[in-house]
N, C-alpha and C. Protein backbone atom coordinates (compact mmCIF):
# COMPACT_ATOMS: atom_id res chain seq x y z
N MET A 1 -40.31 -161.26 239.62
CA MET A 1 -40.20 -161.24 238.38
C MET A 1 -40.38 -160.09 237.84
N TRP A 2 -41.94 -159.64 237.74
CA TRP A 2 -42.52 -158.53 237.63
C TRP A 2 -41.57 -157.04 237.50
N MET A 3 -41.23 -157.03 238.78
CA MET A 3 -41.09 -155.93 239.47
C MET A 3 -39.05 -155.83 238.33
N ASP A 4 -38.88 -156.75 238.73
CA ASP A 4 -37.30 -156.96 237.96
C ASP A 4 -37.22 -156.37 236.37
N ILE A 5 -38.37 -157.01 235.81
CA ILE A 5 -38.49 -156.86 234.70
C ILE A 5 -38.57 -154.84 234.52
N LEU A 6 -39.85 -154.40 235.24
CA LEU A 6 -40.03 -153.11 234.88
C LEU A 6 -38.46 -152.46 235.87
N TYR A 7 -37.75 -152.63 236.46
CA TYR A 7 -36.84 -152.39 236.58
C TYR A 7 -35.82 -151.40 235.63
N ILE A 8 -35.25 -153.03 234.79
CA ILE A 8 -34.69 -153.02 234.06
C ILE A 8 -34.70 -151.87 233.07
N LEU A 9 -36.03 -151.97 232.45
CA LEU A 9 -37.26 -151.05 231.75
C LEU A 9 -37.08 -149.36 231.98
N ILE A 10 -37.64 -149.25 233.25
CA ILE A 10 -37.25 -148.03 234.25
C ILE A 10 -35.43 -147.67 233.51
N GLY A 11 -34.56 -148.53 233.92
CA GLY A 11 -32.99 -148.27 234.01
C GLY A 11 -33.05 -147.75 233.06
N LEU A 12 -33.11 -148.25 232.02
CA LEU A 12 -33.03 -148.40 230.41
C LEU A 12 -33.39 -147.03 229.83
N VAL A 13 -34.50 -146.73 230.29
CA VAL A 13 -35.15 -145.35 229.81
C VAL A 13 -34.09 -144.25 230.15
N ILE A 14 -34.20 -144.39 231.80
CA ILE A 14 -33.26 -143.43 232.19
C ILE A 14 -31.95 -143.46 231.66
N GLY A 15 -31.42 -144.33 231.40
CA GLY A 15 -29.96 -144.73 230.86
C GLY A 15 -29.80 -143.75 229.34
N LEU A 16 -31.18 -143.84 228.68
CA LEU A 16 -31.31 -143.49 227.01
C LEU A 16 -31.70 -141.56 227.61
N VAL A 17 -31.80 -141.43 228.23
CA VAL A 17 -32.25 -139.98 228.57
C VAL A 17 -31.09 -139.11 228.98
N ILE A 18 -30.64 -139.87 229.86
CA ILE A 18 -29.19 -138.82 230.49
C ILE A 18 -28.34 -139.24 229.17
N GLY A 19 -27.84 -140.62 228.53
CA GLY A 19 -27.14 -140.57 227.22
C GLY A 19 -27.38 -139.41 226.39
N PHE A 20 -29.13 -139.29 225.92
CA PHE A 20 -28.97 -138.51 224.93
C PHE A 20 -28.97 -137.32 225.55
N LEU A 21 -28.72 -136.68 226.21
CA LEU A 21 -28.61 -135.40 227.29
C LEU A 21 -26.93 -135.11 227.10
N LEU A 22 -26.12 -135.74 227.34
CA LEU A 22 -24.68 -136.02 227.66
C LEU A 22 -24.49 -135.99 226.51
N ALA A 23 -25.01 -136.09 225.41
CA ALA A 23 -24.32 -136.20 223.75
C ALA A 23 -24.67 -134.97 223.60
N ARG A 24 -25.48 -134.42 223.39
CA ARG A 24 -26.05 -133.21 223.04
C ARG A 24 -25.22 -132.36 223.56
N TYR A 25 -24.86 -132.22 225.16
CA TYR A 25 -24.15 -131.04 225.51
C TYR A 25 -22.55 -131.41 224.69
N PHE A 26 -21.83 -132.39 224.55
CA PHE A 26 -20.90 -132.07 224.12
C PHE A 26 -20.52 -131.93 222.70
N MET A 27 -21.99 -132.42 222.48
CA MET A 27 -21.94 -131.95 220.99
C MET A 27 -21.99 -130.15 220.51
N LYS A 28 -22.64 -129.86 221.61
CA LYS A 28 -23.27 -128.28 221.14
C LYS A 28 -21.45 -127.66 221.51
N LYS A 29 -20.92 -128.55 222.76
CA LYS A 29 -19.59 -127.69 223.25
C LYS A 29 -18.54 -127.83 221.92
N GLN A 30 -18.19 -129.23 221.81
CA GLN A 30 -17.68 -129.31 220.28
C GLN A 30 -17.54 -128.41 219.34
N LEU A 31 -18.65 -127.54 219.12
CA LEU A 31 -19.26 -127.05 217.95
C LEU A 31 -18.69 -125.49 218.50
N LYS A 32 -19.10 -125.53 219.70
CA LYS A 32 -18.30 -123.59 220.01
C LYS A 32 -17.44 -123.76 219.84
N GLU A 33 -16.51 -125.12 220.52
CA GLU A 33 -14.99 -125.09 220.20
C GLU A 33 -14.48 -124.83 219.10
N ASN A 34 -15.41 -125.14 217.99
CA ASN A 34 -14.37 -125.96 216.63
C ASN A 34 -15.90 -126.11 215.72
N PRO A 35 -15.75 -124.38 215.34
CA PRO A 35 -17.02 -124.13 214.56
C PRO A 35 -16.61 -124.64 212.95
N PRO A 36 -17.90 -124.92 212.34
CA PRO A 36 -17.73 -125.31 210.57
C PRO A 36 -17.41 -124.64 210.26
N ILE A 37 -16.48 -125.22 208.80
CA ILE A 37 -16.16 -124.55 208.13
C ILE A 37 -16.60 -123.62 207.69
N ASN A 38 -16.09 -122.44 207.49
CA ASN A 38 -16.92 -120.70 206.15
C ASN A 38 -15.88 -120.52 205.46
N GLU A 39 -16.52 -119.48 204.09
CA GLU A 39 -16.06 -119.26 203.53
C GLU A 39 -14.57 -118.03 203.51
N GLU A 40 -14.59 -117.69 204.73
CA GLU A 40 -12.95 -117.28 205.35
C GLU A 40 -12.04 -118.17 205.10
N MET A 41 -12.13 -119.60 205.96
CA MET A 41 -11.39 -120.47 205.93
C MET A 41 -11.04 -121.04 204.45
N ILE A 42 -11.76 -121.07 203.71
CA ILE A 42 -11.78 -121.78 202.58
C ILE A 42 -10.85 -120.56 201.60
N LYS A 43 -11.16 -119.90 201.74
CA LYS A 43 -10.04 -118.91 201.52
C LYS A 43 -8.79 -118.66 201.48
N ALA A 44 -8.71 -118.77 203.17
CA ALA A 44 -6.94 -118.98 203.59
C ALA A 44 -6.14 -120.20 203.21
N LEU A 45 -6.98 -121.23 203.49
CA LEU A 45 -6.42 -122.79 202.31
C LEU A 45 -6.72 -122.85 201.56
N MET A 46 -6.76 -121.89 200.56
CA MET A 46 -6.93 -121.56 199.41
C MET A 46 -5.18 -121.18 198.93
N ARG A 47 -5.23 -119.63 199.19
CA ARG A 47 -4.40 -119.03 199.73
C ARG A 47 -2.63 -119.79 199.84
N GLY A 48 -3.00 -120.23 200.64
CA GLY A 48 -2.17 -121.23 201.39
C GLY A 48 -1.66 -122.19 200.59
N MET A 49 -2.63 -122.36 199.98
CA MET A 49 -1.66 -123.70 198.39
C MET A 49 -1.70 -122.57 197.19
N GLY A 50 -1.47 -121.75 197.31
CA GLY A 50 -1.00 -120.62 196.15
C GLY A 50 -1.76 -119.90 195.32
N ARG A 51 -3.03 -120.24 195.58
CA ARG A 51 -4.06 -120.08 194.83
C ARG A 51 -4.90 -118.77 195.55
N ASN A 52 -4.96 -117.93 193.88
CA ASN A 52 -5.90 -116.76 194.66
C ASN A 52 -7.75 -117.32 193.77
N PRO A 53 -8.42 -117.77 195.24
CA PRO A 53 -9.68 -118.07 194.65
C PRO A 53 -10.53 -117.09 193.96
N SER A 54 -11.97 -117.36 193.20
CA SER A 54 -12.40 -116.77 193.00
C SER A 54 -14.10 -116.65 194.10
N GLN A 55 -14.68 -115.80 194.15
CA GLN A 55 -16.20 -116.06 194.89
C GLN A 55 -16.86 -117.30 194.18
N LYS A 56 -16.54 -117.15 192.90
CA LYS A 56 -17.44 -118.48 192.66
C LYS A 56 -16.76 -119.45 192.57
N GLN A 57 -15.74 -120.44 192.91
CA GLN A 57 -14.81 -121.50 193.34
C GLN A 57 -14.82 -121.68 194.99
N VAL A 58 -15.60 -120.06 195.54
CA VAL A 58 -15.10 -120.37 196.97
C VAL A 58 -16.85 -120.74 197.38
N ASN A 59 -17.76 -120.14 195.93
CA ASN A 59 -19.69 -121.09 196.42
C ASN A 59 -19.54 -122.26 196.60
N GLN A 60 -18.58 -123.03 195.24
CA GLN A 60 -18.78 -123.85 194.62
C GLN A 60 -18.56 -125.00 195.84
N LEU A 61 -17.08 -124.72 196.30
CA LEU A 61 -16.69 -125.43 197.63
C LEU A 61 -17.47 -125.23 199.02
N MET A 62 -18.06 -124.67 199.06
CA MET A 62 -19.59 -124.38 199.75
C MET A 62 -20.09 -124.97 199.78
N LYS A 63 -20.80 -125.34 198.47
CA LYS A 63 -21.46 -126.09 198.49
C LYS A 63 -21.52 -127.42 198.41
N GLN A 64 -20.17 -127.76 197.91
CA GLN A 64 -19.56 -129.37 198.34
C GLN A 64 -19.77 -129.46 199.65
N MET A 65 -18.97 -128.71 200.40
CA MET A 65 -19.18 -129.07 201.81
C MET A 65 -20.43 -129.42 202.41
N SER A 66 -21.27 -128.32 202.21
CA SER A 66 -22.56 -128.78 202.88
C SER A 66 -23.35 -130.29 202.19
N ARG A 67 -22.95 -130.25 201.36
CA ARG A 67 -23.43 -131.24 200.80
C ARG A 67 -23.33 -132.75 201.26
N PHE A 68 -22.15 -132.70 202.14
CA PHE A 68 -20.89 -133.76 202.63
C PHE A 68 -21.59 -133.99 203.84
N GLN A 69 -22.45 -132.30 204.90
CA GLN A 69 -22.44 -132.58 205.67
C GLN A 69 -23.75 -132.95 206.42
């Protein structure tokens, strides 16, 4: 009985470690393939909407984006 509980706990710990490492690997891979938004992307987006952004507007949007991440 005690051995069964011990096996379950060991399996749970090993599963958590493997799950954490896999999640970390896939997150790094995803960030490498799709980097977070930067100033150039914001400028291109605003130009696409027909606006010519000033640096102040770009900085304001960057602050808003960093607040939500």
